[in-house]
């Protein structure tokens, strides 16, 4: 398995409290975002437990929970192991949006803009050419995507790869958590006709600022990208309230 920055964050040690739940959340988020690809084989139980800093008993409980959620398939015998299964389309996103009050969305936007901006700024300062290459691969994949679900996963992966390029495991893990929580919602405004190109242009501008090594521009573009999406999301939420 290639040790990309996003994989290093996925397989970094989890916190000390609620370790089974923490492992389940970490791996489930990574699978939902496409950071772990459909059919990808996870490291052996012993290796994965060591990477995550948990016991093999804890890891086995977590894998059992992931199997029950349909996110992992375990095969026995030669060539066996635990393999990733990409989830089906998530529940109706409009219903998820209704669960948020406008103030909650605005607060989430402020928090996420701060994380995204800091990650982009540090990526522009620290990233080597090999760290930036995954951003352009994701942009190329977006250009070939044939469904809104694929675009949402690629959008999440793109933002996680920016955080990985910042060389901060904590920022990358927070980006993964936020993308899993609200990433599909943030993509919702760009799923409207004519908005894909707008999102792609914003993504390319951020990636170019990072490649150019312009931390201020990278931060400003990343923050604006998030806050624009939040403002449109709030408009959609208010429209649901009036419906």
C-alpha atoms as a PDB file:
ATOM      1  CA  UNK A   1       0.000   0.000   0.000  1.00  0.00           C
ATOM      2  CA  UNK A   2       1.415   3.405  -0.948  1.00  0.00           C
ATOM      3  CA  UNK A   3       2.109   5.491   2.130  1.00  0.00           C
ATOM      4  CA  UNK A   4       0.286   8.618   0.966  1.00  0.00           C
ATOM      5  CA  UNK A   5      -0.209  11.397   3.502  1.00  0.00           C
ATOM      6  CA  UNK A   6      -3.912  10.631   3.772  1.00  0.00           C
ATOM      7  CA  UNK A   7      -3.162   6.956   4.525  1.00  0.00           C
ATOM      8  CA  UNK A   8      -0.640   7.957   7.168  1.00  0.00           C
ATOM      9  CA  UNK A   9      -3.372   9.980   8.891  1.00  0.00           C
ATOM     10  CA  UNK A  10      -5.957   7.202   8.555  1.00  0.00           C
ATOM     11  CA  UNK A  11      -3.610   4.676  10.147  1.00  0.00           C
ATOM     12  CA  UNK A  12      -2.156   6.996  12.818  1.00  0.00           C
ATOM     13  CA  UNK A  13      -2.711   5.975  16.469  1.00  0.00           C
ATOM     14  CA  UNK A  14      -6.208   6.673  17.808  1.00  0.00           C
ATOM     15  CA  UNK A  15      -6.932   8.395  21.101  1.00  0.00           C
ATOM     16  CA  UNK A  16      -7.024   6.644  24.443  1.00  0.00           C
ATOM     17  CA  UNK A  17     -10.771   6.832  25.200  1.00  0.00           C
ATOM     18  CA  UNK A  18     -13.417   4.652  23.549  1.00  0.00           C
ATOM     19  CA  UNK A  19     -10.882   2.942  21.366  1.00  0.00           C
ATOM     20  CA  UNK A  20     -13.231   0.510  19.613  1.00  0.00           C
ATOM     21  CA  UNK A  21     -15.551   3.361  18.639  1.00  0.00           C
ATOM     22  CA  UNK A  22     -12.562   5.500  17.651  1.00  0.00           C
ATOM     23  CA  UNK A  23     -11.198   2.801  15.333  1.00  0.00           C
ATOM     24  CA  UNK A  24     -14.634   2.213  13.800  1.00  0.00           C
ATOM     25  CA  UNK A  25     -15.125   5.942  13.233  1.00  0.00           C
ATOM     26  CA  UNK A  26     -11.643   6.441  11.783  1.00  0.00           C
ATOM     27  CA  UNK A  27     -11.924   3.585   9.267  1.00  0.00           C
ATOM     28  CA  UNK A  28     -15.600   4.180   8.426  1.00  0.00           C
ATOM     29  CA  UNK A  29     -14.902   7.840   7.650  1.00  0.00           C
ATOM     30  CA  UNK A  30     -11.916   6.922   5.472  1.00  0.00           C
ATOM     31  CA  UNK A  31     -13.998   4.376   3.557  1.00  0.00           C
ATOM     32  CA  UNK A  32     -16.927   6.769   3.094  1.00  0.00           C
ATOM     33  CA  UNK A  33     -14.573   9.419   1.692  1.00  0.00           C
ATOM     34  CA  UNK A  34     -12.848   7.004  -0.662  1.00  0.00           C
ATOM     35  CA  UNK A  35      -9.488   7.350   1.085  1.00  0.00           C
ATOM     36  CA  UNK A  36      -9.578   3.569   1.343  1.00  0.00           C
ATOM     37  CA  UNK A  37     -10.684   2.287  -2.041  1.00  0.00           C
ATOM     38  CA  UNK A  38     -13.319  -0.336  -2.742  1.00  0.00           C
ATOM     39  CA  UNK A  39     -11.628  -3.735  -2.681  1.00  0.00           C
ATOM     40  CA  UNK A  40      -8.480  -2.424  -1.009  1.00  0.00           C
ATOM     41  CA  UNK A  41      -6.948  -4.888   1.422  1.00  0.00           C
ATOM     42  CA  UNK A  42      -6.335  -3.576   4.914  1.00  0.00           C
ATOM     43  CA  UNK A  43      -3.063  -4.400   6.664  1.00  0.00           C
ATOM     44  CA  UNK A  44      -3.000  -7.633   8.665  1.00  0.00           C
ATOM     45  CA  UNK A  45      -4.688  -7.517  12.066  1.00  0.00           C
ATOM     46  CA  UNK A  46      -1.356  -7.431  13.877  1.00  0.00           C
ATOM     47  CA  UNK A  47       0.036  -4.676  11.663  1.00  0.00           C
ATOM     48  CA  UNK A  48      -3.150  -2.588  11.706  1.00  0.00           C
ATOM     49  CA  UNK A  49      -3.460  -2.881  15.494  1.00  0.00           C
ATOM     50  CA  UNK A  50       0.151  -1.708  15.850  1.00  0.00           C
ATOM     51  CA  UNK A  51      -0.399   1.226  13.477  1.00  0.00           C
ATOM     52  CA  UNK A  52      -3.533   2.361  15.323  1.00  0.00           C
ATOM     53  CA  UNK A  53      -1.964   1.797  18.728  1.00  0.00           C
ATOM     54  CA  UNK A  54      -4.640  -0.620  19.954  1.00  0.00           C
ATOM     55  CA  UNK A  55      -4.713  -4.251  21.011  1.00  0.00           C
ATOM     56  CA  UNK A  56      -5.637  -6.963  18.517  1.00  0.00           C
ATOM     57  CA  UNK A  57      -8.749  -7.653  20.620  1.00  0.00           C
ATOM     58  CA  UNK A  58      -9.858  -4.026  20.215  1.00  0.00           C
ATOM     59  CA  UNK A  59      -9.140  -4.148  16.499  1.00  0.00           C
ATOM     60  CA  UNK A  60     -11.133  -7.359  16.032  1.00  0.00           C
ATOM     61  CA  UNK A  61     -14.143  -5.799  17.770  1.00  0.00           C
ATOM     62  CA  UNK A  62     -13.858  -2.769  15.487  1.00  0.00           C
ATOM     63  CA  UNK A  63     -13.597  -4.928  12.366  1.00  0.00           C
ATOM     64  CA  UNK A  64     -16.652  -6.894  13.494  1.00  0.00           C
ATOM     65  CA  UNK A  65     -18.615  -3.638  13.776  1.00  0.00           C
ATOM     66  CA  UNK A  66     -17.422  -2.547  10.327  1.00  0.00           C
ATOM     67  CA  UNK A  67     -18.473  -5.902   8.872  1.00  0.00           C
ATOM     68  CA  UNK A  68     -21.919  -5.453  10.385  1.00  0.00           C
ATOM     69  CA  UNK A  69     -22.126  -2.044   8.693  1.00  0.00           C
ATOM     70  CA  UNK A  70     -21.155  -3.615   5.365  1.00  0.00           C
ATOM     71  CA  UNK A  71     -17.939  -1.577   5.129  1.00  0.00           C
ATOM     72  CA  UNK A  72     -15.461  -4.439   5.479  1.00  0.00           C
ATOM     73  CA  UNK A  73     -15.476  -7.983   4.127  1.00  0.00           C
ATOM     74  CA  UNK A  74     -13.237 -10.619   5.695  1.00  0.00           C
ATOM     75  CA  UNK A  75     -12.098 -13.566   3.596  1.00  0.00           C
ATOM     76  CA  UNK A  76     -10.518 -16.683   5.027  1.00  0.00           C
ATOM     77  CA  UNK A  77      -7.805 -18.921   3.633  1.00  0.00           C
ATOM     78  CA  UNK A  78      -4.997 -18.213   1.224  1.00  0.00           C
ATOM     79  CA  UNK A  79      -5.178 -14.673  -0.115  1.00  0.00           C
ATOM     80  CA  UNK A  80      -7.631 -13.790   2.632  1.00  0.00           C
ATOM     81  CA  UNK A  81      -7.799 -10.790   4.914  1.00  0.00           C
ATOM     82  CA  UNK A  82     -10.029  -7.778   5.444  1.00  0.00           C
ATOM     83  CA  UNK A  83     -11.118  -5.835   2.365  1.00  0.00           C
ATOM     84  CA  UNK A  84     -12.858  -2.478   1.994  1.00  0.00           C
ATOM     85  CA  UNK A  85     -16.404  -2.282   0.651  1.00  0.00           C
ATOM     86  CA  UNK A  86     -17.530   1.126  -0.564  1.00  0.00           C
ATOM     87  CA  UNK A  87     -20.925   2.031   0.923  1.00  0.00           C
ATOM     88  CA  UNK A  88     -23.987   2.611  -1.154  1.00  0.00           C
ATOM     89  CA  UNK A  89     -25.389   6.082  -1.702  1.00  0.00           C
ATOM     90  CA  UNK A  90     -25.938   7.807   1.697  1.00  0.00           C
ATOM     91  CA  UNK A  91     -29.425   8.582   3.022  1.00  0.00           C
ATOM     92  CA  UNK A  92     -31.371  11.395   1.348  1.00  0.00           C
ATOM     93  CA  UNK A  93     -29.246  14.495   1.868  1.00  0.00           C
ATOM     94  CA  UNK A  94     -32.201  16.871   2.115  1.00  0.00           C
ATOM     95  CA  UNK A  95     -33.287  15.044   5.277  1.00  0.00           C
ATOM     96  CA  UNK A  96     -29.796  15.487   6.734  1.00  0.00           C
ATOM     97  CA  UNK A  97     -29.873  19.188   5.909  1.00  0.00           C
ATOM     98  CA  UNK A  98     -33.185  19.629   7.729  1.00  0.00           C
ATOM     99  CA  UNK A  99     -31.518  18.327  10.902  1.00  0.00           C
ATOM    100  CA  UNK A 100     -29.299  21.434  11.059  1.00  0.00           C
ATOM    101  CA  UNK A 101     -30.456  24.828  12.270  1.00  0.00           C
ATOM    102  CA  UNK A 102     -29.116  27.831  10.346  1.00  0.00           C
ATOM    103  CA  UNK A 103     -26.986  28.904  13.320  1.00  0.00           C
ATOM    104  CA  UNK A 104     -25.440  25.423  13.468  1.00  0.00           C
ATOM    105  CA  UNK A 105     -24.567  25.555   9.779  1.00  0.00           C
ATOM    106  CA  UNK A 106     -22.952  28.966  10.154  1.00  0.00           C
ATOM    107  CA  UNK A 107     -20.951  27.810  13.181  1.00  0.00           C
ATOM    108  CA  UNK A 108     -19.843  24.664  11.360  1.00  0.00           C
ATOM    109  CA  UNK A 109     -18.811  26.832   8.428  1.00  0.00           C
ATOM    110  CA  UNK A 110     -16.679  29.075  10.612  1.00  0.00           C
ATOM    111  CA  UNK A 111     -14.968  26.061  12.170  1.00  0.00           C
ATOM    112  CA  UNK A 112     -14.438  24.269   8.888  1.00  0.00           C
ATOM    113  CA  UNK A 113     -13.165  27.399   7.120  1.00  0.00           C
ATOM    114  CA  UNK A 114     -10.546  27.789   9.852  1.00  0.00           C
ATOM    115  CA  UNK A 115      -9.420  24.154   9.428  1.00  0.00           C
ATOM    116  CA  UNK A 116      -9.431  24.278   5.622  1.00  0.00           C
ATOM    117  CA  UNK A 117      -7.616  27.613   5.557  1.00  0.00           C
ATOM    118  CA  UNK A 118      -4.920  26.490   7.973  1.00  0.00           C
ATOM    119  CA  UNK A 119      -4.393  23.253   6.053  1.00  0.00           C
ATOM    120  CA  UNK A 120      -4.072  25.051   2.715  1.00  0.00           C
ATOM    121  CA  UNK A 121      -1.675  27.642   4.168  1.00  0.00           C
ATOM    122  CA  UNK A 122       0.595  24.996   5.664  1.00  0.00           C
ATOM    123  CA  UNK A 123       0.414  22.894   2.502  1.00  0.00           C
ATOM    124  CA  UNK A 124       1.648  25.873   0.481  1.00  0.00           C
ATOM    125  CA  UNK A 125       4.507  26.314   2.931  1.00  0.00           C
ATOM    126  CA  UNK A 126       5.518  22.685   3.409  1.00  0.00           C
ATOM    127  CA  UNK A 127       4.373  20.530   0.490  1.00  0.00           C
ATOM    128  CA  UNK A 128       6.894  18.916  -1.819  1.00  0.00           C
ATOM    129  CA  UNK A 129       5.960  18.184  -5.466  1.00  0.00           C
ATOM    130  CA  UNK A 130       5.094  14.595  -4.510  1.00  0.00           C
ATOM    131  CA  UNK A 131       2.662  15.897  -1.875  1.00  0.00           C
ATOM    132  CA  UNK A 132       0.874  18.110  -4.410  1.00  0.00           C
ATOM    133  CA  UNK A 133       0.568  15.441  -7.123  1.00  0.00           C
ATOM    134  CA  UNK A 134      -2.451  13.733  -5.464  1.00  0.00           C
ATOM    135  CA  UNK A 135      -4.412  17.008  -5.707  1.00  0.00           C
ATOM    136  CA  UNK A 136      -4.049  17.063  -9.480  1.00  0.00           C
ATOM    137  CA  UNK A 137      -4.892  13.369  -9.761  1.00  0.00           C
ATOM    138  CA  UNK A 138      -8.117  14.023  -7.842  1.00  0.00           C
ATOM    139  CA  UNK A 139      -8.934  16.962 -10.124  1.00  0.00           C
ATOM    140  CA  UNK A 140      -8.378  14.752 -13.173  1.00  0.00           C
ATOM    141  CA  UNK A 141     -10.630  12.094 -11.615  1.00  0.00           C
ATOM    142  CA  UNK A 142     -13.316  14.742 -11.027  1.00  0.00           C
ATOM    143  CA  UNK A 143     -13.208  15.659 -14.709  1.00  0.00           C
ATOM    144  CA  UNK A 144     -13.986  12.014 -15.549  1.00  0.00           C
ATOM    145  CA  UNK A 145     -16.556  11.421 -12.781  1.00  0.00           C
ATOM    146  CA  UNK A 146     -19.887  10.183 -14.095  1.00  0.00           C
ATOM    147  CA  UNK A 147     -22.114  10.642 -11.052  1.00  0.00           C
ATOM    148  CA  UNK A 148     -22.856  13.126  -8.304  1.00  0.00           C
ATOM    149  CA  UNK A 149     -21.929  10.502  -5.687  1.00  0.00           C
ATOM    150  CA  UNK A 150     -18.491  10.087  -7.276  1.00  0.00           C
ATOM    151  CA  UNK A 151     -18.023  13.861  -7.375  1.00  0.00           C
ATOM    152  CA  UNK A 152     -18.886  14.123  -3.679  1.00  0.00           C
ATOM    153  CA  UNK A 153     -16.350  11.454  -2.737  1.00  0.00           C
ATOM    154  CA  UNK A 154     -13.671  13.057  -4.895  1.00  0.00           C
ATOM    155  CA  UNK A 155     -14.388  16.482  -3.432  1.00  0.00           C
ATOM    156  CA  UNK A 156     -13.890  15.065   0.062  1.00  0.00           C
ATOM    157  CA  UNK A 157     -10.717  13.270  -1.006  1.00  0.00           C
ATOM    158  CA  UNK A 158      -9.328  16.463  -2.553  1.00  0.00           C
ATOM    159  CA  UNK A 159      -9.755  18.410   0.685  1.00  0.00           C
ATOM    160  CA  UNK A 160      -8.257  15.615   2.777  1.00  0.00           C
ATOM    161  CA  UNK A 161      -5.264  15.521   0.423  1.00  0.00           C
ATOM    162  CA  UNK A 162      -4.718  19.243   0.985  1.00  0.00           C
ATOM    163  CA  UNK A 163      -4.640  18.588   4.723  1.00  0.00           C
ATOM    164  CA  UNK A 164      -2.255  15.666   4.199  1.00  0.00           C
ATOM    165  CA  UNK A 165       0.029  17.976   2.198  1.00  0.00           C
ATOM    166  CA  UNK A 166       0.171  20.262   5.248  1.00  0.00           C
ATOM    167  CA  UNK A 167       2.196  17.524   6.992  1.00  0.00           C
ATOM    168  CA  UNK A 168      -0.114  17.759  10.031  1.00  0.00           C
ATOM    169  CA  UNK A 169      -1.692  14.469  11.099  1.00  0.00           C
ATOM    170  CA  UNK A 170      -4.083  16.253  13.471  1.00  0.00           C
ATOM    171  CA  UNK A 171      -5.312  18.639  10.780  1.00  0.00           C
ATOM    172  CA  UNK A 172      -5.730  15.725   8.381  1.00  0.00           C
ATOM    173  CA  UNK A 173      -7.730  13.708  10.906  1.00  0.00           C
ATOM    174  CA  UNK A 174      -9.937  16.721  11.663  1.00  0.00           C
ATOM    175  CA  UNK A 175     -10.473  17.245   7.929  1.00  0.00           C
ATOM    176  CA  UNK A 176     -11.486  13.583   7.561  1.00  0.00           C
ATOM    177  CA  UNK A 177     -13.936  13.938  10.466  1.00  0.00           C
ATOM    178  CA  UNK A 178     -15.484  17.121   9.056  1.00  0.00           C
ATOM    179  CA  UNK A 179     -15.734  15.729   5.543  1.00  0.00           C
ATOM    180  CA  UNK A 180     -17.494  12.624   6.826  1.00  0.00           C
ATOM    181  CA  UNK A 181     -19.890  14.755   8.898  1.00  0.00           C
ATOM    182  CA  UNK A 182     -20.770  17.572   6.504  1.00  0.00           C
ATOM    183  CA  UNK A 183     -18.854  16.980   3.259  1.00  0.00           C
ATOM    184  CA  UNK A 184     -21.905  15.642   1.375  1.00  0.00           C
ATOM    185  CA  UNK A 185     -23.889  18.666   2.548  1.00  0.00           C
ATOM    186  CA  UNK A 186     -21.187  21.113   1.444  1.00  0.00           C
ATOM    187  CA  UNK A 187     -21.229  19.574  -2.027  1.00  0.00           C
ATOM    188  CA  UNK A 188     -25.022  19.949  -2.267  1.00  0.00           C
ATOM    189  CA  UNK A 189     -25.012  23.516  -3.701  1.00  0.00           C
ATOM    190  CA  UNK A 190     -22.470  22.485  -6.350  1.00  0.00           C
ATOM    191  CA  UNK A 191     -24.601  19.541  -7.426  1.00  0.00           C
ATOM    192  CA  UNK A 192     -27.009  21.967  -9.103  1.00  0.00           C
ATOM    193  CA  UNK A 193     -26.798  22.363 -12.908  1.00  0.00           C
ATOM    194  CA  UNK A 194     -23.863  24.513 -13.983  1.00  0.00           C
ATOM    195  CA  UNK A 195     -22.187  24.485 -10.569  1.00  0.00           C
ATOM    196  CA  UNK A 196     -19.700  21.638 -11.177  1.00  0.00           C
ATOM    197  CA  UNK A 197     -17.495  23.906 -13.281  1.00  0.00           C
ATOM    198  CA  UNK A 198     -17.549  26.571 -10.567  1.00  0.00           C
ATOM    199  CA  UNK A 199     -16.405  24.102  -7.929  1.00  0.00           C
ATOM    200  CA  UNK A 200     -13.707  22.741 -10.242  1.00  0.00           C
ATOM    201  CA  UNK A 201     -12.379  26.245 -10.890  1.00  0.00           C
ATOM    202  CA  UNK A 202     -12.173  26.921  -7.145  1.00  0.00           C
ATOM    203  CA  UNK A 203     -10.407  23.602  -6.537  1.00  0.00           C
ATOM    204  CA  UNK A 204      -7.867  24.288  -9.267  1.00  0.00           C
ATOM    205  CA  UNK A 205      -7.163  27.773  -7.928  1.00  0.00           C
ATOM    206  CA  UNK A 206      -6.459  26.357  -4.453  1.00  0.00           C
ATOM    207  CA  UNK A 207      -4.228  23.619  -5.849  1.00  0.00           C
ATOM    208  CA  UNK A 208      -2.346  26.131  -7.991  1.00  0.00           C
ATOM    209  CA  UNK A 209      -1.735  28.442  -5.008  1.00  0.00           C
ATOM    210  CA  UNK A 210      -0.364  25.466  -3.055  1.00  0.00           C
ATOM    211  CA  UNK A 211       1.860  24.398  -5.954  1.00  0.00           C
ATOM    212  CA  UNK A 212       3.064  27.996  -6.333  1.00  0.00           C
ATOM    213  CA  UNK A 213       3.934  28.158  -2.642  1.00  0.00           C
ATOM    214  CA  UNK A 214       1.629  31.111  -1.865  1.00  0.00           C
ATOM    215  CA  UNK A 215       0.336  30.429   1.673  1.00  0.00           C
ATOM    216  CA  UNK A 216      -1.775  33.582   2.004  1.00  0.00           C
ATOM    217  CA  UNK A 217      -3.579  33.029  -1.290  1.00  0.00           C
ATOM    218  CA  UNK A 218      -4.063  29.319  -0.586  1.00  0.00           C
ATOM    219  CA  UNK A 219      -5.604  30.076   2.807  1.00  0.00           C
ATOM    220  CA  UNK A 220      -7.890  32.816   1.476  1.00  0.00           C
ATOM    221  CA  UNK A 221      -9.116  30.679  -1.429  1.00  0.00           C
ATOM    222  CA  UNK A 222      -9.775  27.654   0.800  1.00  0.00           C
ATOM    223  CA  UNK A 223     -11.670  29.730   3.365  1.00  0.00           C
ATOM    224  CA  UNK A 224     -13.725  31.452   0.665  1.00  0.00           C
ATOM    225  CA  UNK A 225     -14.531  28.102  -0.960  1.00  0.00           C
ATOM    226  CA  UNK A 226     -15.965  26.769   2.317  1.00  0.00           C
ATOM    227  CA  UNK A 227     -17.811  29.943   3.277  1.00  0.00           C
ATOM    228  CA  UNK A 228     -19.382  30.278  -0.185  1.00  0.00           C
ATOM    229  CA  UNK A 229     -20.668  26.698   0.088  1.00  0.00           C
ATOM    230  CA  UNK A 230     -22.030  27.371   3.591  1.00  0.00           C
ATOM    231  CA  UNK A 231     -23.856  30.518   2.484  1.00  0.00           C
ATOM    232  CA  UNK A 232     -25.525  28.613  -0.345  1.00  0.00           C
ATOM    233  CA  UNK A 233     -26.279  25.733   1.990  1.00  0.00           C
ATOM    234  CA  UNK A 234     -27.992  28.157   4.367  1.00  0.00           C
ATOM    235  CA  UNK A 235     -30.082  29.442   1.453  1.00  0.00           C
ATOM    236  CA  UNK A 236     -31.107  25.865   0.661  1.00  0.00           C
ATOM    237  CA  UNK A 237     -31.916  25.220   4.329  1.00  0.00           C
ATOM    238  CA  UNK A 238     -34.114  28.327   4.497  1.00  0.00           C
ATOM    239  CA  UNK A 239     -35.862  27.141   1.340  1.00  0.00           C
ATOM    240  CA  UNK A 240     -36.634  23.819   3.039  1.00  0.00           C
ATOM    241  CA  UNK A 241     -38.113  25.706   5.988  1.00  0.00           C
ATOM    242  CA  UNK A 242     -40.431  27.593   3.639  1.00  0.00           C
ATOM    243  CA  UNK A 243     -41.467  24.469   1.727  1.00  0.00           C
END
